[in-house]
Amino acid sequence: MPHSQTSAPRGRVRLARGASPWLLPTVATAAVSLVRARRSRRAAAIAVPTTALAAGMLWFFRDPEREIAQGRVISPADGVVQSIMPWKDGRTRVAIFMSPLNVHVNRAPMAGTVTSVEHIPGGFVPAFNKESENNERVVWHFDTELGDIEMVQIAGAVARRIVPYLAQGAKVEQGDRIGLIRFGSRVDIYLPEGVDVAVEVGQTTTAGVTRIDRD
């Protein structure tokens, strides 16, 4: 099945959808302070941190093009595998921790149809903490060739907003962008019973590139 988001030149980087509320005020403040820095030492002093912050925001909200890998289930997130846990219903949960340095645009692990997108209010403890399972989160379900695939975007201590790009009923190709989590966070994916895990705890994953399951 063709991948719909790999037509742009490799290496091209764009900004993530949903970044504007954070990015625009920061960049505007930096631009104003740089203009005023020519006339005032005080403004020059302010320009340094505001410009650094704007640069950091641009880096954080980057959304690079990816050459989508082949395989049944691919990673929905950039990050590090935090845990691999058998679930009571026979599924296996793979939890991926995303630091502020990672790309925070998440991608569809398989081709299929979005059967539900549910926002669940909660807390904001650090995403690497066990209690983060009760954090603010968005629960996705996809109807795929393997049946129902569940994926959960979990907000962290700083990430106070998850931005879904799709709604129930949307068709997705494997590797399509499906949403953004602002700042440090976690993504869980549940592999169906009988599907073996190909990654290990501590392994680095790349959204749309790293294969999660094993033949």
Protein backbone atom coordinates (compact mmCIF):
# COMPACT_ATOMS: atom_id res chain seq x y z
CA MET A 1 0.00 0.00 0.00
CA PRO A 2 1.55 3.37 -0.95
CA HIS A 3 2.59 5.85 1.69
CA SER A 4 1.00 9.26 1.23
CA GLN A 5 3.49 11.39 3.15
CA THR A 6 6.82 10.56 1.52
CA SER A 7 6.49 12.60 -1.66
CA ALA A 8 8.45 15.56 -0.31
CA PRO A 9 12.22 15.59 -0.83
CA ARG A 10 14.13 13.57 1.75
CA GLY A 11 15.76 15.77 4.37
CA ARG A 12 13.07 18.42 4.13
CA VAL A 13 11.84 19.64 7.52
CA ARG A 14 8.59 21.49 8.13
CA LEU A 15 6.91 22.73 11.30
CA ALA A 16 4.33 20.61 13.05
CA ARG A 17 0.64 21.42 12.81
CA GLY A 18 -0.61 22.67 16.16
CA ALA A 19 2.61 24.52 17.00
CA SER A 20 1.31 28.03 16.31
CA PRO A 21 -0.06 28.93 19.79
CA TRP A 22 3.40 28.40 21.27
CA LEU A 23 5.63 29.25 18.35
CA LEU A 24 4.18 32.49 16.93
CA PRO A 25 4.29 34.56 20.16
CA THR A 26 7.82 33.37 20.90
CA VAL A 27 9.15 34.14 17.43
CA ALA A 28 7.35 37.52 17.38
CA THR A 29 8.85 38.49 20.74
CA ALA A 30 12.31 37.51 19.56
CA ALA A 31 11.92 39.51 16.34
CA VAL A 32 10.79 42.64 18.19
CA SER A 33 13.60 42.38 20.73
CA LEU A 34 16.18 41.98 17.94
CA VAL A 35 14.92 45.13 16.22
CA ARG A 36 15.04 47.11 19.47
CA ALA A 37 18.45 45.72 20.40
CA ARG A 38 20.08 48.17 17.99
CA ARG A 39 18.88 51.09 20.09
CA SER A 40 19.02 49.79 23.64
CA ARG A 41 21.40 47.70 25.73
CA ARG A 42 18.48 46.53 27.82
CA ALA A 43 16.66 45.34 24.71
CA ALA A 44 19.86 43.64 23.55
CA ALA A 45 20.05 41.75 26.83
CA ILE A 46 16.45 40.61 26.38
CA ALA A 47 17.05 39.65 22.76
CA VAL A 48 19.56 36.94 23.67
CA PRO A 49 17.25 34.68 25.71
CA THR A 50 14.18 35.36 23.58
CA THR A 51 16.07 34.46 20.39
CA ALA A 52 17.44 31.32 22.03
CA LEU A 53 13.95 30.36 23.15
CA ALA A 54 12.56 30.92 19.65
CA ALA A 55 15.31 28.77 18.17
CA GLY A 56 14.54 26.07 20.70
CA MET A 57 10.85 26.20 19.83
CA LEU A 58 11.62 25.90 16.11
CA TRP A 59 13.77 22.84 16.85
CA PHE A 60 11.15 21.26 19.11
CA PHE A 61 8.30 21.68 16.64
CA ARG A 62 10.24 20.33 13.67
CA ASP A 63 8.43 17.76 11.56
CA PRO A 64 10.89 16.04 9.20
CA GLU A 65 9.85 13.95 6.23
CA ARG A 66 10.44 10.23 6.69
CA GLU A 67 11.02 7.32 4.35
CA ILE A 68 8.38 5.00 5.81
CA ALA A 69 9.71 1.54 6.60
CA GLN A 70 8.22 -1.78 5.54
CA GLY A 71 6.73 -4.07 8.19
CA ARG A 72 3.40 -4.85 9.78
CA VAL A 73 3.66 -2.49 12.79
CA ILE A 74 6.01 0.50 12.89
CA SER A 75 6.80 2.87 15.74
CA PRO A 76 4.30 5.70 16.23
CA ALA A 77 6.85 7.83 18.08
CA ASP A 78 10.45 8.99 18.29
CA GLY A 79 11.91 8.11 21.67
CA VAL A 80 13.21 5.30 23.85
CA VAL A 81 11.36 2.09 24.70
CA GLN A 82 10.53 2.53 28.38
CA SER A 83 8.76 -0.76 29.05
CA ILE A 84 7.34 -3.87 27.36
CA MET A 85 4.49 -5.34 29.38
CA PRO A 86 2.19 -8.31 28.77
CA TRP A 87 -1.44 -7.23 29.26
CA LYS A 88 -4.22 -9.26 30.91
CA ASP A 89 -6.11 -9.66 27.64
CA GLY A 90 -3.13 -11.20 25.85
CA ARG A 91 -1.89 -8.02 24.18
CA THR A 92 1.57 -6.56 24.75
CA ARG A 93 2.03 -2.89 25.61
CA VAL A 94 5.13 -1.13 24.28
CA ALA A 95 5.67 2.24 26.01
CA ILE A 96 7.89 4.81 24.27
CA PHE A 97 9.18 7.79 26.25
CA MET A 98 9.65 11.01 24.28
CA SER A 99 12.08 13.59 25.65
CA PRO A 100 11.88 17.30 24.73
CA LEU A 101 14.67 16.66 22.20
CA ASN A 102 12.60 14.20 20.16
CA VAL A 103 10.28 14.98 17.26
CA HIS A 104 6.81 15.06 18.84
CA VAL A 105 4.67 14.38 15.78
CA ASN A 106 3.21 10.87 16.06
CA ARG A 107 2.47 8.57 13.14
CA ALA A 108 0.04 5.76 12.36
CA PRO A 109 1.58 2.37 13.24
CA MET A 110 -0.46 0.60 10.52
CA ALA A 111 -2.73 1.37 7.60
CA GLY A 112 -6.42 1.25 8.43
CA THR A 113 -9.39 3.25 9.67
CA VAL A 114 -9.59 5.36 12.81
CA THR A 115 -12.47 3.80 14.75
CA SER A 116 -12.25 6.11 17.78
CA VAL A 117 -10.30 9.07 19.19
CA GLU A 118 -11.03 9.64 22.87
CA HIS A 119 -9.65 12.46 25.02
CA ILE A 120 -9.37 11.50 28.71
CA PRO A 121 -8.61 14.25 31.26
CA GLY A 122 -5.97 13.52 33.90
CA GLY A 123 -2.84 14.68 35.69
CA PHE A 124 0.53 15.86 34.40
CA VAL A 125 3.20 13.90 36.28
CA PRO A 126 6.47 13.17 34.40
CA ALA A 127 5.85 10.72 31.54
CA PHE A 128 8.56 8.34 32.78
CA ASN A 129 6.75 7.98 36.13
CA LYS A 130 4.45 4.98 36.70
CA GLU A 131 1.66 7.33 37.78
CA SER A 132 1.72 8.89 34.30
CA GLU A 133 -0.79 6.21 33.27
CA ASN A 134 -3.38 8.52 34.88
CA ASN A 135 -2.17 11.56 32.94
CA GLU A 136 -4.10 13.56 30.36
CA ARG A 137 -4.20 11.33 27.27
CA VAL A 138 -5.78 10.60 23.91
CA VAL A 139 -6.71 6.99 23.16
CA TRP A 140 -6.75 5.92 19.51
CA HIS A 141 -8.20 2.74 17.99
CA PHE A 142 -7.42 1.66 14.44
CA ASP A 143 -9.16 -1.07 12.44
CA THR A 144 -6.27 -2.80 10.64
CA GLU A 145 -5.38 -6.10 8.98
CA LEU A 146 -4.35 -7.32 12.46
CA GLY A 147 -7.68 -6.26 13.94
CA ASP A 148 -8.00 -3.49 16.52
CA ILE A 149 -4.78 -1.63 17.31
CA GLU A 150 -4.82 0.69 20.33
CA MET A 151 -2.42 3.61 20.68
CA VAL A 152 -2.33 6.10 23.56
CA GLN A 153 -0.73 9.57 23.52
CA ILE A 154 0.11 10.56 27.11
CA ALA A 155 0.89 14.11 28.22
CA GLY A 156 3.89 14.65 30.51
CA ALA A 157 4.78 17.16 33.22
CA VAL A 158 5.28 19.97 30.68
CA ALA A 159 3.12 18.74 27.81
CA ARG A 160 -0.32 20.14 28.60
CA ARG A 161 -1.91 19.66 25.20
CA ILE A 162 -2.31 16.78 22.77
CA VAL A 163 -3.39 17.81 19.27
CA PRO A 164 -5.06 15.04 17.21
CA TYR A 165 -4.91 15.60 13.47
CA LEU A 166 -7.63 13.08 12.57
CA ALA A 167 -11.15 12.18 13.64
CA GLN A 168 -13.15 8.97 13.83
CA GLY A 169 -13.71 7.45 10.40
CA ALA A 170 -10.50 8.79 8.84
CA LYS A 171 -8.52 6.47 6.59
CA VAL A 172 -4.77 6.32 7.26
CA GLU A 173 -1.76 4.89 5.52
CA GLN A 174 1.03 3.42 7.59
CA GLY A 175 3.30 6.26 8.73
CA ASP A 176 0.75 9.06 8.23
CA ARG A 177 0.97 11.91 10.74
CA ILE A 178 -1.89 11.58 13.23
CA GLY A 179 -1.15 14.06 16.02
CA LEU A 180 1.22 16.14 18.12
CA ILE A 181 2.09 16.07 21.82
CA ARG A 182 3.61 19.34 22.99
CA PHE A 183 6.84 18.80 24.96
CA GLY A 184 8.02 15.69 26.88
CA SER A 185 5.55 12.82 26.83
CA ARG A 186 4.88 9.13 26.16
CA VAL A 187 3.20 6.98 23.53
CA ASP A 188 1.92 3.45 24.22
CA ILE A 189 1.02 0.93 21.54
CA TYR A 190 -0.73 -2.37 22.24
CA LEU A 191 0.24 -5.29 20.00
CA PRO A 192 -2.47 -7.95 19.52
CA GLU A 193 -2.13 -11.40 21.09
CA GLY A 194 0.26 -13.59 19.09
CA VAL A 195 2.29 -10.67 17.71
CA ASP A 196 5.91 -10.79 18.90
CA VAL A 197 7.79 -7.64 19.90
CA ALA A 198 10.92 -6.79 17.90
CA VAL A 199 12.25 -3.96 20.10
CA GLU A 200 13.89 -4.02 23.54
CA VAL A 201 13.72 -1.80 26.61
CA GLY A 202 16.21 1.04 26.18
CA GLN A 203 16.13 0.88 22.38
CA THR A 204 15.75 4.13 20.44
CA THR A 205 12.80 4.29 18.05
CA THR A 206 12.00 6.56 15.12
CA ALA A 207 8.38 7.21 14.15
CA GLY A 208 7.54 5.68 10.80
CA VAL A 209 10.91 3.93 10.58
CA THR A 210 11.49 1.49 13.46
CA ARG A 211 9.61 -1.78 13.19
CA ILE A 212 7.85 -2.78 16.45
CA ASP A 213 6.73 -6.34 15.63
CA ARG A 214 8.58 -9.46 14.50
CA ASP A 215 7.58 -11.93 11.77
